[in-house]
Amino acid sequence: MFFEILPNEAAQLLEEDKHVSILDIREAGEVAAGKIPGAQHIPLGQVLTRTEELDPNKEYIVVCRSGNRSSLACEWLSEKGFNVKNMAGGISNWTGPIE
C-alpha cells in the first residue's frame, strides 16, 4: 500500500526530512530536460532489477511526468517493502527548482 503526495507537500517534506528522497522513474530523455535537484534516476523498466540501489530505511517520493507510471512503480516497490509515495500530477505539476 502506498499514498499520494501533492508536489507542494513533497517540496516541504524534502526540506524538513533528510530520510526522504526523490526517485525519478522517467526515461533518460525526459530527465535530460530537467529533474528535481538530487533526485535519483532509475527508469521504470529497471526499477525492479535495481532495488539494491534503494535504501530500505528511506522514504521515497516517486516521480514521473504525470503520476501514472510512478503509481505503478509505487505499487511494485511497496510490495517489496519500500516506503514510497506517488507524487500526484508528476513533474508536470512541480513548481520547485529543476536542475
N, C-alpha and C. Protein backbone atom coordinates (compact mmCIF):
# COMPACT_ATOMS: atom_id res chain seq x y z
N MET A 1 0.83 -1.18 0.00
CA MET A 1 0.00 0.00 0.00
C MET A 1 0.88 1.24 0.00
N PHE A 2 0.45 2.24 -0.75
CA PHE A 2 1.20 3.49 -0.80
C PHE A 2 0.21 4.65 -0.86
N PHE A 3 0.73 5.82 -0.63
CA PHE A 3 -0.09 7.03 -0.61
C PHE A 3 0.38 7.99 -1.68
N GLU A 4 -0.48 8.96 -1.99
CA GLU A 4 -0.09 10.01 -2.91
C GLU A 4 0.26 11.26 -2.11
N ILE A 5 1.10 12.07 -2.70
CA ILE A 5 1.52 13.32 -2.10
C ILE A 5 1.47 14.39 -3.18
N LEU A 6 1.03 15.56 -2.82
CA LEU A 6 0.98 16.67 -3.78
C LEU A 6 2.38 17.26 -3.93
N PRO A 7 2.68 17.85 -5.10
CA PRO A 7 4.02 18.42 -5.31
C PRO A 7 4.45 19.42 -4.24
N ASN A 8 3.54 20.30 -3.79
CA ASN A 8 3.93 21.27 -2.76
C ASN A 8 4.21 20.58 -1.43
N GLU A 9 3.48 19.50 -1.13
CA GLU A 9 3.75 18.73 0.09
C GLU A 9 5.10 18.02 -0.02
N ALA A 10 5.40 17.52 -1.22
CA ALA A 10 6.69 16.85 -1.45
C ALA A 10 7.84 17.82 -1.24
N ALA A 11 7.71 19.03 -1.75
CA ALA A 11 8.76 20.04 -1.60
C ALA A 11 9.00 20.36 -0.13
N GLN A 12 7.93 20.49 0.62
CA GLN A 12 8.04 20.78 2.06
C GLN A 12 8.69 19.61 2.79
N LEU A 13 8.29 18.40 2.47
CA LEU A 13 8.84 17.21 3.10
C LEU A 13 10.34 17.08 2.81
N LEU A 14 10.75 17.39 1.59
CA LEU A 14 12.16 17.33 1.23
C LEU A 14 12.99 18.31 2.05
N GLU A 15 12.43 19.47 2.33
CA GLU A 15 13.14 20.47 3.13
C GLU A 15 13.28 20.04 4.58
N GLU A 16 12.28 19.33 5.10
CA GLU A 16 12.22 19.01 6.53
C GLU A 16 12.87 17.69 6.92
N ASP A 17 12.88 16.72 6.00
CA ASP A 17 13.26 15.36 6.38
C ASP A 17 14.40 14.83 5.52
N LYS A 18 15.52 14.54 6.17
CA LYS A 18 16.70 14.05 5.45
C LYS A 18 16.57 12.57 5.05
N HIS A 19 15.54 11.90 5.53
CA HIS A 19 15.35 10.50 5.17
C HIS A 19 14.36 10.32 4.02
N VAL A 20 14.05 11.42 3.33
CA VAL A 20 13.15 11.39 2.19
C VAL A 20 13.95 11.70 0.94
N SER A 21 13.73 10.92 -0.10
CA SER A 21 14.42 11.13 -1.37
C SER A 21 13.43 11.08 -2.51
N ILE A 22 13.82 11.71 -3.62
CA ILE A 22 13.03 11.65 -4.84
C ILE A 22 13.59 10.53 -5.71
N LEU A 23 12.69 9.68 -6.21
CA LEU A 23 13.06 8.66 -7.18
C LEU A 23 12.34 9.00 -8.48
N ASP A 24 13.11 9.39 -9.49
CA ASP A 24 12.57 9.78 -10.79
C ASP A 24 12.62 8.57 -11.71
N ILE A 25 11.46 8.09 -12.15
CA ILE A 25 11.41 6.86 -12.95
C ILE A 25 11.15 7.15 -14.43
N ARG A 26 11.31 8.41 -14.84
CA ARG A 26 11.14 8.75 -16.26
C ARG A 26 12.30 8.21 -17.08
N GLU A 27 12.13 8.22 -18.39
CA GLU A 27 13.19 7.79 -19.30
C GLU A 27 14.29 8.85 -19.35
N ALA A 28 15.49 8.44 -19.80
CA ALA A 28 16.65 9.32 -19.80
C ALA A 28 16.40 10.62 -20.55
N GLY A 29 15.72 10.56 -21.68
CA GLY A 29 15.44 11.77 -22.46
C GLY A 29 14.57 12.76 -21.71
N GLU A 30 13.64 12.24 -20.93
CA GLU A 30 12.76 13.10 -20.13
C GLU A 30 13.55 13.77 -19.00
N VAL A 31 14.41 13.00 -18.37
CA VAL A 31 15.22 13.51 -17.25
C VAL A 31 16.22 14.55 -17.75
N ALA A 32 16.72 14.37 -18.98
CA ALA A 32 17.68 15.32 -19.54
C ALA A 32 17.07 16.71 -19.67
N ALA A 33 15.75 16.80 -19.79
CA ALA A 33 15.08 18.09 -19.91
C ALA A 33 14.97 18.79 -18.56
N GLY A 34 15.27 18.09 -17.49
CA GLY A 34 15.25 18.68 -16.16
C GLY A 34 14.67 17.74 -15.13
N LYS A 35 15.24 17.77 -13.93
CA LYS A 35 14.75 16.92 -12.84
C LYS A 35 14.82 17.70 -11.53
N ILE A 36 14.16 17.16 -10.53
CA ILE A 36 14.19 17.75 -9.20
C ILE A 36 15.62 17.58 -8.66
N PRO A 37 16.23 18.65 -8.15
CA PRO A 37 17.61 18.54 -7.67
C PRO A 37 17.80 17.39 -6.68
N GLY A 38 18.85 16.61 -6.92
CA GLY A 38 19.17 15.50 -6.04
C GLY A 38 18.38 14.23 -6.27
N ALA A 39 17.46 14.25 -7.22
CA ALA A 39 16.64 13.06 -7.48
C ALA A 39 17.49 11.91 -8.00
N GLN A 40 17.17 10.72 -7.54
CA GLN A 40 17.81 9.51 -8.02
C GLN A 40 17.03 9.05 -9.25
N HIS A 41 17.74 8.72 -10.33
CA HIS A 41 17.07 8.32 -11.56
C HIS A 41 17.21 6.82 -11.82
N ILE A 42 16.08 6.13 -11.85
CA ILE A 42 16.03 4.73 -12.28
C ILE A 42 14.79 4.62 -13.18
N PRO A 43 14.96 4.41 -14.49
CA PRO A 43 13.81 4.30 -15.38
C PRO A 43 12.85 3.20 -14.92
N LEU A 44 11.57 3.40 -15.17
CA LEU A 44 10.54 2.46 -14.74
C LEU A 44 10.88 1.02 -15.11
N GLY A 45 11.35 0.79 -16.32
CA GLY A 45 11.65 -0.57 -16.78
C GLY A 45 12.78 -1.24 -16.02
N GLN A 46 13.54 -0.47 -15.23
CA GLN A 46 14.67 -1.02 -14.48
C GLN A 46 14.44 -1.04 -12.97
N VAL A 47 13.31 -0.51 -12.52
CA VAL A 47 13.06 -0.35 -11.08
C VAL A 47 13.22 -1.67 -10.33
N LEU A 48 12.59 -2.72 -10.79
CA LEU A 48 12.61 -3.98 -10.04
C LEU A 48 13.95 -4.70 -10.11
N THR A 49 14.77 -4.40 -11.11
CA THR A 49 16.08 -5.05 -11.20
C THR A 49 17.17 -4.23 -10.53
N ARG A 50 16.83 -3.04 -10.04
CA ARG A 50 17.83 -2.17 -9.40
C ARG A 50 17.44 -1.78 -7.97
N THR A 51 16.61 -2.58 -7.33
CA THR A 51 16.17 -2.23 -5.96
C THR A 51 17.33 -2.19 -4.97
N GLU A 52 18.44 -2.86 -5.28
CA GLU A 52 19.59 -2.84 -4.37
C GLU A 52 20.19 -1.44 -4.28
N GLU A 53 19.85 -0.56 -5.22
CA GLU A 53 20.34 0.82 -5.19
C GLU A 53 19.49 1.70 -4.27
N LEU A 54 18.39 1.16 -3.78
CA LEU A 54 17.48 1.92 -2.91
C LEU A 54 17.71 1.55 -1.46
N ASP A 55 17.58 2.53 -0.59
CA ASP A 55 17.78 2.34 0.84
C ASP A 55 16.44 1.98 1.49
N PRO A 56 16.32 0.77 2.05
CA PRO A 56 15.06 0.37 2.66
C PRO A 56 14.67 1.19 3.89
N ASN A 57 15.61 2.00 4.42
CA ASN A 57 15.33 2.83 5.58
C ASN A 57 14.85 4.23 5.22
N LYS A 58 14.83 4.53 3.92
CA LYS A 58 14.40 5.85 3.47
C LYS A 58 12.97 5.80 2.97
N GLU A 59 12.36 6.97 2.92
CA GLU A 59 11.07 7.13 2.27
C GLU A 59 11.35 7.74 0.90
N TYR A 60 10.70 7.20 -0.13
CA TYR A 60 10.89 7.70 -1.48
C TYR A 60 9.60 8.33 -2.00
N ILE A 61 9.76 9.49 -2.61
CA ILE A 61 8.67 10.11 -3.36
C ILE A 61 8.97 9.80 -4.81
N VAL A 62 8.10 9.04 -5.43
CA VAL A 62 8.34 8.55 -6.79
C VAL A 62 7.67 9.50 -7.78
N VAL A 63 8.44 9.88 -8.82
CA VAL A 63 8.02 10.91 -9.76
C VAL A 63 8.15 10.42 -11.20
N CYS A 64 7.13 10.74 -12.01
CA CYS A 64 7.22 10.59 -13.46
C CYS A 64 6.69 11.89 -14.06
N ARG A 65 6.27 11.86 -15.31
CA ARG A 65 5.78 13.09 -15.94
C ARG A 65 4.43 13.51 -15.38
N SER A 66 3.50 12.54 -15.27
CA SER A 66 2.13 12.90 -14.89
C SER A 66 1.61 12.19 -13.64
N GLY A 67 2.32 11.19 -13.15
CA GLY A 67 1.89 10.46 -11.96
C GLY A 67 1.37 9.06 -12.24
N ASN A 68 1.21 8.69 -13.51
CA ASN A 68 0.70 7.36 -13.84
C ASN A 68 1.76 6.27 -13.71
N ARG A 69 2.91 6.46 -14.35
CA ARG A 69 3.98 5.46 -14.26
C ARG A 69 4.52 5.36 -12.84
N SER A 70 4.61 6.50 -12.16
CA SER A 70 5.11 6.47 -10.78
C SER A 70 4.16 5.72 -9.87
N SER A 71 2.87 5.76 -10.18
CA SER A 71 1.90 4.99 -9.40
C SER A 71 2.18 3.50 -9.53
N LEU A 72 2.49 3.06 -10.74
CA LEU A 72 2.83 1.65 -10.98
C LEU A 72 4.12 1.28 -10.24
N ALA A 73 5.13 2.15 -10.31
CA ALA A 73 6.39 1.90 -9.61
C ALA A 73 6.16 1.81 -8.10
N CYS A 74 5.28 2.67 -7.58
CA CYS A 74 4.96 2.64 -6.15
C CYS A 74 4.32 1.31 -5.77
N GLU A 75 3.44 0.83 -6.63
CA GLU A 75 2.80 -0.46 -6.37
C GLU A 75 3.86 -1.56 -6.25
N TRP A 76 4.75 -1.61 -7.22
CA TRP A 76 5.81 -2.63 -7.23
C TRP A 76 6.70 -2.51 -6.00
N LEU A 77 7.17 -1.29 -5.73
CA LEU A 77 8.12 -1.09 -4.63
C LEU A 77 7.49 -1.31 -3.27
N SER A 78 6.23 -0.92 -3.10
CA SER A 78 5.58 -1.16 -1.81
C SER A 78 5.40 -2.65 -1.57
N GLU A 79 5.18 -3.43 -2.63
CA GLU A 79 5.10 -4.89 -2.50
C GLU A 79 6.43 -5.49 -2.07
N LYS A 80 7.52 -4.80 -2.38
CA LYS A 80 8.87 -5.25 -1.98
C LYS A 80 9.27 -4.70 -0.62
N GLY A 81 8.36 -3.97 0.04
CA GLY A 81 8.63 -3.48 1.39
C GLY A 81 9.18 -2.08 1.48
N PHE A 82 9.27 -1.36 0.37
CA PHE A 82 9.79 0.01 0.41
C PHE A 82 8.69 0.99 0.81
N ASN A 83 9.10 2.05 1.49
CA ASN A 83 8.20 3.11 1.92
C ASN A 83 8.17 4.16 0.81
N VAL A 84 7.09 4.18 0.02
CA VAL A 84 7.01 5.05 -1.15
C VAL A 84 5.71 5.86 -1.16
N LYS A 85 5.81 7.03 -1.78
CA LYS A 85 4.64 7.87 -2.03
C LYS A 85 4.69 8.30 -3.49
N ASN A 86 3.54 8.32 -4.13
CA ASN A 86 3.44 8.76 -5.51
C ASN A 86 3.19 10.27 -5.53
N MET A 87 3.99 11.01 -6.31
CA MET A 87 3.74 12.44 -6.42
C MET A 87 2.65 12.67 -7.46
N ALA A 88 1.48 13.05 -6.97
CA ALA A 88 0.31 13.26 -7.83
C ALA A 88 0.59 14.35 -8.86
N GLY A 89 0.25 14.08 -10.09
CA GLY A 89 0.45 15.07 -11.16
C GLY A 89 1.85 15.08 -11.72
N GLY A 90 2.77 14.38 -11.07
CA GLY A 90 4.13 14.24 -11.57
C GLY A 90 4.89 15.55 -11.68
N ILE A 91 5.98 15.48 -12.43
CA ILE A 91 6.88 16.62 -12.60
C ILE A 91 6.16 17.76 -13.32
N SER A 92 5.10 17.43 -14.05
CA SER A 92 4.32 18.46 -14.75
C SER A 92 3.72 19.47 -13.78
N ASN A 93 3.46 19.05 -12.56
CA ASN A 93 2.86 19.93 -11.55
C ASN A 93 3.87 20.46 -10.53
N TRP A 94 5.13 20.11 -10.70
CA TRP A 94 6.20 20.54 -9.77
C TRP A 94 6.50 22.01 -10.00
N THR A 95 6.50 22.80 -8.95
CA THR A 95 6.80 24.24 -9.07
C THR A 95 8.12 24.60 -8.41
N GLY A 96 8.78 23.62 -7.83
CA GLY A 96 10.05 23.85 -7.17
C GLY A 96 11.19 23.93 -8.17
N PRO A 97 12.42 23.96 -7.66
CA PRO A 97 13.59 24.06 -8.54
C PRO A 97 13.77 22.81 -9.40
N ILE A 98 14.40 23.05 -10.56
CA ILE A 98 14.72 21.99 -11.52
C ILE A 98 16.20 22.12 -11.86
N GLU A 99 16.88 20.98 -11.98
CA GLU A 99 18.29 21.07 -12.43
C GLU A 99 18.45 20.36 -13.76
